[in-house]
Amino acid sequence: MERVTVRRVSTITPASGAPETESGEWVGALRETQSELLLTFTETVEGGRIFNRVIWRDGTLTVDRRGAASSRIEFRAGETQTVELSFPPFTLQMTVSTREILLLPTPVGVGFRVSFFSEINGERRENELTVTASPL
């Protein structure tokens, strides 16, 4: 696996409110094959650490997070699913409706962008998540 710099930008727009953008940068690892992209990185957050594992395979983007917060979302364009978000000691149900997934080859790395709607406790939000990985 190749060591990389991982950049993530997440924009969340509530149905009745202004967009909120959050970004971060971490050192991670990337493995690419003809049929799969695997990216891993660990972020430090209030309450601990979150290990992130992102896999692109066959048009599906899987984002698996474990640690201080946990969830597993399989993004497939045009599909809706219900997932569990865990922030110990709390667990919430979230509905995710994926609009679009784009694989983003960059001049010096790879990445992806996914746009989706999420709904938690009746509150619907529009989301865009962009993650890029470039060599250290």
N, C-alpha and C. Protein backbone atom coordinates (compact mmCIF):
# COMPACT_ATOMS: atom_id res chain seq x y z
N MET A 1 0.85 -1.18 0.00
CA MET A 1 0.00 0.00 0.00
C MET A 1 0.89 1.24 0.00
N GLU A 2 0.45 2.25 -0.69
CA GLU A 2 1.20 3.49 -0.82
C GLU A 2 0.71 4.50 0.24
N ARG A 3 1.66 5.16 0.89
CA ARG A 3 1.29 6.21 1.85
C ARG A 3 0.85 7.44 1.08
N VAL A 4 -0.26 8.06 1.53
CA VAL A 4 -0.86 9.18 0.82
C VAL A 4 -1.35 10.24 1.80
N THR A 5 -1.57 11.43 1.27
CA THR A 5 -2.28 12.48 2.00
C THR A 5 -3.74 12.39 1.60
N VAL A 6 -4.63 12.28 2.57
CA VAL A 6 -6.06 12.16 2.33
C VAL A 6 -6.70 13.50 2.70
N ARG A 7 -7.48 14.03 1.77
CA ARG A 7 -8.23 15.27 2.02
C ARG A 7 -9.71 14.96 1.87
N ARG A 8 -10.50 15.41 2.85
CA ARG A 8 -11.95 15.19 2.81
C ARG A 8 -12.66 16.53 3.00
N VAL A 9 -13.64 16.78 2.14
CA VAL A 9 -14.51 17.95 2.27
C VAL A 9 -15.94 17.44 2.26
N SER A 10 -16.69 17.80 3.27
CA SER A 10 -18.08 17.37 3.40
C SER A 10 -18.95 18.61 3.54
N THR A 11 -19.95 18.73 2.68
CA THR A 11 -20.90 19.84 2.77
C THR A 11 -22.28 19.26 3.02
N ILE A 12 -22.92 19.75 4.08
CA ILE A 12 -24.25 19.29 4.47
C ILE A 12 -25.18 20.50 4.45
N THR A 13 -26.29 20.36 3.72
CA THR A 13 -27.26 21.45 3.63
C THR A 13 -28.60 20.97 4.17
N PRO A 14 -29.00 21.47 5.36
CA PRO A 14 -30.31 21.09 5.90
C PRO A 14 -31.43 21.62 5.00
N ALA A 15 -32.60 21.00 5.09
CA ALA A 15 -33.74 21.42 4.27
C ALA A 15 -34.08 22.89 4.55
N SER A 16 -33.90 23.34 5.77
CA SER A 16 -34.21 24.73 6.11
C SER A 16 -33.01 25.35 6.81
N GLY A 17 -31.96 25.63 6.04
CA GLY A 17 -30.79 26.24 6.66
C GLY A 17 -29.65 26.41 5.68
N ALA A 18 -28.60 27.01 6.18
CA ALA A 18 -27.42 27.28 5.36
C ALA A 18 -26.51 26.05 5.32
N PRO A 19 -25.76 25.90 4.23
CA PRO A 19 -24.82 24.78 4.13
C PRO A 19 -23.72 24.89 5.18
N GLU A 20 -23.28 23.73 5.67
CA GLU A 20 -22.16 23.65 6.61
C GLU A 20 -21.07 22.82 5.93
N THR A 21 -19.84 23.35 5.88
CA THR A 21 -18.75 22.63 5.26
C THR A 21 -17.72 22.29 6.32
N GLU A 22 -17.25 21.05 6.26
CA GLU A 22 -16.25 20.54 7.19
C GLU A 22 -15.15 19.89 6.35
N SER A 23 -13.89 20.12 6.72
CA SER A 23 -12.80 19.52 5.94
C SER A 23 -11.70 19.05 6.88
N GLY A 24 -10.87 18.17 6.36
CA GLY A 24 -9.75 17.66 7.14
C GLY A 24 -8.71 17.04 6.24
N GLU A 25 -7.54 16.80 6.82
CA GLU A 25 -6.44 16.19 6.07
C GLU A 25 -5.69 15.24 7.00
N TRP A 26 -5.39 14.03 6.49
CA TRP A 26 -4.73 13.01 7.27
C TRP A 26 -3.74 12.24 6.41
N VAL A 27 -2.84 11.51 7.04
CA VAL A 27 -1.97 10.58 6.33
C VAL A 27 -2.71 9.25 6.30
N GLY A 28 -2.70 8.60 5.14
CA GLY A 28 -3.40 7.33 5.01
C GLY A 28 -2.64 6.39 4.09
N ALA A 29 -3.33 5.36 3.63
CA ALA A 29 -2.74 4.37 2.74
C ALA A 29 -3.71 4.09 1.61
N LEU A 30 -3.15 3.87 0.41
CA LEU A 30 -3.95 3.64 -0.79
C LEU A 30 -3.44 2.40 -1.50
N ARG A 31 -4.40 1.57 -1.93
CA ARG A 31 -4.07 0.44 -2.80
C ARG A 31 -5.02 0.49 -3.98
N GLU A 32 -4.44 0.45 -5.18
CA GLU A 32 -5.23 0.48 -6.41
C GLU A 32 -4.96 -0.76 -7.23
N THR A 33 -6.04 -1.35 -7.74
CA THR A 33 -5.92 -2.42 -8.73
C THR A 33 -6.83 -2.01 -9.89
N GLN A 34 -6.88 -2.80 -10.93
CA GLN A 34 -7.77 -2.48 -12.06
C GLN A 34 -9.23 -2.48 -11.65
N SER A 35 -9.59 -3.27 -10.65
CA SER A 35 -11.00 -3.40 -10.29
C SER A 35 -11.37 -2.79 -8.94
N GLU A 36 -10.40 -2.25 -8.20
CA GLU A 36 -10.71 -1.78 -6.85
C GLU A 36 -9.77 -0.67 -6.42
N LEU A 37 -10.32 0.23 -5.60
CA LEU A 37 -9.54 1.26 -4.94
C LEU A 37 -9.82 1.12 -3.45
N LEU A 38 -8.78 1.01 -2.64
CA LEU A 38 -8.93 0.90 -1.19
C LEU A 38 -8.12 2.01 -0.55
N LEU A 39 -8.79 2.81 0.28
CA LEU A 39 -8.16 3.94 0.97
C LEU A 39 -8.45 3.80 2.46
N THR A 40 -7.43 3.91 3.29
CA THR A 40 -7.62 3.86 4.74
C THR A 40 -6.94 5.06 5.37
N PHE A 41 -7.55 5.57 6.44
CA PHE A 41 -6.95 6.66 7.22
C PHE A 41 -7.64 6.72 8.57
N THR A 42 -6.95 7.30 9.54
CA THR A 42 -7.48 7.43 10.90
C THR A 42 -7.55 8.90 11.26
N GLU A 43 -8.71 9.30 11.75
CA GLU A 43 -8.88 10.69 12.18
C GLU A 43 -9.06 10.72 13.70
N THR A 44 -8.53 11.75 14.32
CA THR A 44 -8.70 11.95 15.75
C THR A 44 -9.83 12.95 15.94
N VAL A 45 -10.80 12.58 16.77
CA VAL A 45 -11.96 13.42 17.04
C VAL A 45 -12.15 13.50 18.55
N GLU A 46 -13.03 14.42 18.95
CA GLU A 46 -13.36 14.49 20.37
C GLU A 46 -13.95 13.14 20.77
N GLY A 47 -13.41 12.52 21.77
CA GLY A 47 -13.91 11.23 22.20
C GLY A 47 -13.12 10.04 21.67
N GLY A 48 -12.05 10.30 20.88
CA GLY A 48 -11.25 9.17 20.42
C GLY A 48 -10.81 9.27 18.98
N ARG A 49 -10.68 8.10 18.37
CA ARG A 49 -10.21 8.01 16.99
C ARG A 49 -11.23 7.25 16.15
N ILE A 50 -11.25 7.56 14.85
CA ILE A 50 -12.12 6.85 13.92
C ILE A 50 -11.25 6.30 12.80
N PHE A 51 -11.29 4.99 12.62
CA PHE A 51 -10.59 4.34 11.52
C PHE A 51 -11.54 4.30 10.33
N ASN A 52 -11.11 4.86 9.20
CA ASN A 52 -11.92 4.93 7.98
C ASN A 52 -11.36 3.98 6.93
N ARG A 53 -12.26 3.24 6.31
CA ARG A 53 -11.90 2.32 5.22
C ARG A 53 -12.87 2.60 4.08
N VAL A 54 -12.33 3.05 2.94
CA VAL A 54 -13.15 3.43 1.80
C VAL A 54 -12.78 2.51 0.64
N ILE A 55 -13.80 1.87 0.05
CA ILE A 55 -13.55 0.93 -1.05
C ILE A 55 -14.43 1.32 -2.24
N TRP A 56 -13.81 1.42 -3.42
CA TRP A 56 -14.53 1.62 -4.68
C TRP A 56 -14.40 0.34 -5.47
N ARG A 57 -15.54 -0.30 -5.77
CA ARG A 57 -15.52 -1.56 -6.52
C ARG A 57 -16.85 -1.69 -7.26
N ASP A 58 -16.80 -1.97 -8.55
CA ASP A 58 -17.99 -2.25 -9.36
C ASP A 58 -19.07 -1.17 -9.24
N GLY A 59 -18.66 0.11 -9.23
CA GLY A 59 -19.63 1.20 -9.17
C GLY A 59 -20.22 1.46 -7.80
N THR A 60 -19.75 0.74 -6.78
CA THR A 60 -20.22 0.93 -5.41
C THR A 60 -19.10 1.53 -4.57
N LEU A 61 -19.45 2.54 -3.80
CA LEU A 61 -18.50 3.16 -2.87
C LEU A 61 -18.93 2.79 -1.46
N THR A 62 -18.07 2.06 -0.74
CA THR A 62 -18.37 1.66 0.63
C THR A 62 -17.50 2.48 1.58
N VAL A 63 -18.14 3.15 2.53
CA VAL A 63 -17.44 3.93 3.55
C VAL A 63 -17.73 3.27 4.89
N ASP A 64 -16.69 2.68 5.47
CA ASP A 64 -16.81 1.93 6.72
C ASP A 64 -16.00 2.69 7.77
N ARG A 65 -16.66 3.12 8.84
CA ARG A 65 -16.00 3.88 9.91
C ARG A 65 -16.17 3.13 11.22
N ARG A 66 -15.09 3.00 11.99
CA ARG A 66 -15.13 2.28 13.27
C ARG A 66 -14.33 3.06 14.31
N GLY A 67 -14.82 3.05 15.56
CA GLY A 67 -14.11 3.71 16.64
C GLY A 67 -15.05 4.61 17.43
N ALA A 68 -14.64 5.88 17.64
CA ALA A 68 -15.44 6.83 18.41
C ALA A 68 -16.80 7.07 17.77
N ALA A 69 -16.89 6.86 16.47
CA ALA A 69 -18.16 6.88 15.73
C ALA A 69 -18.09 5.71 14.75
N SER A 70 -19.22 5.05 14.52
CA SER A 70 -19.22 3.90 13.63
C SER A 70 -20.40 3.96 12.67
N SER A 71 -20.14 3.55 11.45
CA SER A 71 -21.20 3.41 10.44
C SER A 71 -20.62 2.66 9.25
N ARG A 72 -21.51 2.10 8.44
CA ARG A 72 -21.11 1.46 7.19
C ARG A 72 -22.15 1.83 6.15
N ILE A 73 -21.73 2.59 5.14
CA ILE A 73 -22.66 3.04 4.10
C ILE A 73 -22.15 2.54 2.75
N GLU A 74 -23.02 1.88 2.02
CA GLU A 74 -22.70 1.44 0.67
C GLU A 74 -23.47 2.34 -0.30
N PHE A 75 -22.74 3.25 -0.93
CA PHE A 75 -23.35 4.19 -1.87
C PHE A 75 -23.46 3.53 -3.24
N ARG A 76 -24.70 3.49 -3.76
CA ARG A 76 -24.96 3.01 -5.12
C ARG A 76 -25.92 4.02 -5.75
N ALA A 77 -25.54 4.59 -6.89
CA ALA A 77 -26.37 5.62 -7.54
C ALA A 77 -27.80 5.13 -7.72
N GLY A 78 -28.75 5.96 -7.29
CA GLY A 78 -30.16 5.65 -7.46
C GLY A 78 -30.76 4.76 -6.39
N GLU A 79 -29.96 4.34 -5.40
CA GLU A 79 -30.48 3.43 -4.37
C GLU A 79 -30.63 4.13 -3.02
N THR A 80 -31.58 3.63 -2.23
CA THR A 80 -31.83 4.13 -0.88
C THR A 80 -31.64 2.99 0.10
N GLN A 81 -31.03 3.30 1.24
CA GLN A 81 -30.82 2.29 2.27
C GLN A 81 -30.93 2.92 3.65
N THR A 82 -31.13 2.09 4.65
CA THR A 82 -31.14 2.54 6.03
C THR A 82 -29.88 2.01 6.71
N VAL A 83 -29.17 2.89 7.39
CA VAL A 83 -27.93 2.51 8.07
C VAL A 83 -27.99 2.96 9.52
N GLU A 84 -27.12 2.36 10.34
CA GLU A 84 -27.00 2.76 11.74
C GLU A 84 -25.77 3.62 11.92
N LEU A 85 -25.96 4.74 12.61
CA LEU A 85 -24.85 5.59 13.02
C LEU A 85 -24.68 5.41 14.52
N SER A 86 -23.49 5.09 14.94
CA SER A 86 -23.25 4.85 16.36
C SER A 86 -22.26 5.88 16.89
N PHE A 87 -22.69 6.58 17.91
CA PHE A 87 -21.84 7.50 18.67
C PHE A 87 -22.00 7.08 20.12
N PRO A 88 -21.22 6.05 20.54
CA PRO A 88 -21.45 5.47 21.86
C PRO A 88 -21.65 6.53 22.93
N PRO A 89 -22.71 6.39 23.71
CA PRO A 89 -23.60 5.24 23.84
C PRO A 89 -24.85 5.32 22.97
N PHE A 90 -24.92 6.23 21.98
CA PHE A 90 -26.12 6.41 21.18
C PHE A 90 -26.00 5.74 19.81
N THR A 91 -27.14 5.26 19.31
CA THR A 91 -27.22 4.72 17.96
C THR A 91 -28.45 5.32 17.29
N LEU A 92 -28.26 5.84 16.07
CA LEU A 92 -29.34 6.46 15.31
C LEU A 92 -29.54 5.74 13.99
N GLN A 93 -30.76 5.77 13.47
CA GLN A 93 -31.05 5.24 12.14
C GLN A 93 -30.99 6.40 11.15
N MET A 94 -30.35 6.18 10.01
CA MET A 94 -30.27 7.20 8.98
C MET A 94 -30.64 6.56 7.64
N THR A 95 -31.47 7.26 6.87
CA THR A 95 -31.80 6.84 5.51
C THR A 95 -30.89 7.59 4.56
N VAL A 96 -30.28 6.87 3.62
CA VAL A 96 -29.36 7.46 2.65
C VAL A 96 -29.87 7.16 1.25
N SER A 97 -30.06 8.22 0.45
CA SER A 97 -30.47 8.07 -0.95
C SER A 97 -29.36 8.66 -1.82
N THR A 98 -28.65 7.79 -2.53
CA THR A 98 -27.50 8.22 -3.33
C THR A 98 -27.97 8.76 -4.67
N ARG A 99 -27.52 9.97 -4.98
CA ARG A 99 -27.82 10.57 -6.29
C ARG A 99 -26.75 10.23 -7.31
N GLU A 100 -25.49 10.46 -6.94
CA GLU A 100 -24.41 10.31 -7.92
C GLU A 100 -23.10 9.96 -7.22
N ILE A 101 -22.30 9.12 -7.87
CA ILE A 101 -20.95 8.80 -7.41
C ILE A 101 -20.01 9.01 -8.58
N LEU A 102 -18.94 9.76 -8.35
CA LEU A 102 -17.95 10.01 -9.40
C LEU A 102 -16.58 9.60 -8.91
N LEU A 103 -15.88 8.82 -9.70
CA LEU A 103 -14.47 8.52 -9.44
C LEU A 103 -13.69 9.68 -10.05
N LEU A 104 -12.76 10.25 -9.28
CA LEU A 104 -12.06 11.47 -9.69
C LEU A 104 -10.57 11.22 -9.87
N PRO A 105 -10.14 10.83 -11.03
CA PRO A 105 -8.69 10.77 -11.23
C PRO A 105 -8.17 12.21 -11.20
N THR A 106 -7.08 12.43 -10.50
CA THR A 106 -6.49 13.76 -10.41
C THR A 106 -5.09 13.70 -11.01
N PRO A 107 -4.48 14.84 -11.30
CA PRO A 107 -3.13 14.81 -11.88
C PRO A 107 -2.11 14.09 -11.00
N VAL A 108 -2.33 14.10 -9.68
CA VAL A 108 -1.34 13.48 -8.79
C VAL A 108 -1.95 12.48 -7.82
N GLY A 109 -3.09 11.91 -8.14
CA GLY A 109 -3.70 10.96 -7.21
C GLY A 109 -5.06 10.51 -7.70
N VAL A 110 -5.90 10.10 -6.76
CA VAL A 110 -7.25 9.64 -7.08
C VAL A 110 -8.22 10.21 -6.05
N GLY A 111 -9.49 10.04 -6.31
CA GLY A 111 -10.48 10.49 -5.36
C GLY A 111 -11.87 10.11 -5.81
N PHE A 112 -12.87 10.58 -5.06
CA PHE A 112 -14.25 10.34 -5.42
C PHE A 112 -15.10 11.47 -4.87
N ARG A 113 -16.27 11.61 -5.46
CA ARG A 113 -17.27 12.55 -4.96
C ARG A 113 -18.60 11.82 -4.98
N VAL A 114 -19.33 11.91 -3.88
CA VAL A 114 -20.65 11.30 -3.81
C VAL A 114 -21.64 12.36 -3.32
N SER A 115 -22.77 12.45 -4.02
CA SER A 115 -23.83 13.35 -3.56
C SER A 115 -25.02 12.47 -3.18
N PHE A 116 -25.64 12.83 -2.05
CA PHE A 116 -26.74 12.00 -1.52
C PHE A 116 -27.61 12.82 -0.60
N PHE A 117 -28.82 12.31 -0.36
CA PHE A 117 -29.72 12.86 0.64
C PHE A 117 -29.66 11.95 1.85
N SER A 118 -29.71 12.55 3.04
CA SER A 118 -29.79 11.76 4.26
C SER A 118 -30.98 12.26 5.08
N GLU A 119 -31.52 11.36 5.88
CA GLU A 119 -32.62 11.74 6.76
C GLU A 119 -32.44 11.05 8.10
N ILE A 120 -32.42 11.88 9.15
CA ILE A 120 -32.32 11.39 10.53
C ILE A 120 -33.44 12.04 11.32
N ASN A 121 -34.25 11.23 11.99
CA ASN A 121 -35.36 11.74 12.80
C ASN A 121 -36.23 12.73 12.03
N GLY A 122 -36.50 12.45 10.76
CA GLY A 122 -37.38 13.30 9.96
C GLY A 122 -36.71 14.53 9.37
N GLU A 123 -35.45 14.77 9.68
CA GLU A 123 -34.74 15.93 9.12
C GLU A 123 -33.95 15.50 7.88
N ARG A 124 -34.32 16.06 6.74
CA ARG A 124 -33.69 15.72 5.46
C ARG A 124 -32.58 16.72 5.16
N ARG A 125 -31.45 16.17 4.68
CA ARG A 125 -30.29 17.00 4.35
C ARG A 125 -29.72 16.58 3.01
N GLU A 126 -29.20 17.55 2.28
CA GLU A 126 -28.46 17.28 1.05
C GLU A 126 -26.98 17.23 1.42
N ASN A 127 -26.26 16.23 0.91
CA ASN A 127 -24.86 16.03 1.28
C ASN A 127 -23.99 15.89 0.04
N GLU A 128 -22.78 16.41 0.14
CA GLU A 128 -21.76 16.14 -0.87
C GLU A 128 -20.45 15.85 -0.13
N LEU A 129 -19.86 14.72 -0.47
CA LEU A 129 -18.63 14.27 0.16
C LEU A 129 -17.58 14.07 -0.92
N THR A 130 -16.44 14.74 -0.76
CA THR A 130 -15.33 14.60 -1.70
C THR A 130 -14.10 14.18 -0.93
N VAL A 131 -13.45 13.11 -1.39
CA VAL A 131 -12.23 12.62 -0.77
C VAL A 131 -11.19 12.43 -1.87
N THR A 132 -9.98 12.95 -1.66
CA THR A 132 -8.89 12.76 -2.60
C THR A 132 -7.67 12.21 -1.87
N ALA A 133 -6.86 11.44 -2.58
CA ALA A 133 -5.63 10.88 -2.03
C ALA A 133 -4.51 11.19 -3.00
N SER A 134 -3.42 11.76 -2.48
CA SER A 134 -2.27 12.07 -3.31
C SER A 134 -1.00 11.60 -2.60
N PRO A 135 0.03 11.22 -3.37
CA PRO A 135 1.25 10.71 -2.76
C PRO A 135 1.86 11.71 -1.78
N LEU A 136 2.46 11.18 -0.73
CA LEU A 136 3.15 12.03 0.25
C LEU A 136 4.38 12.68 -0.36
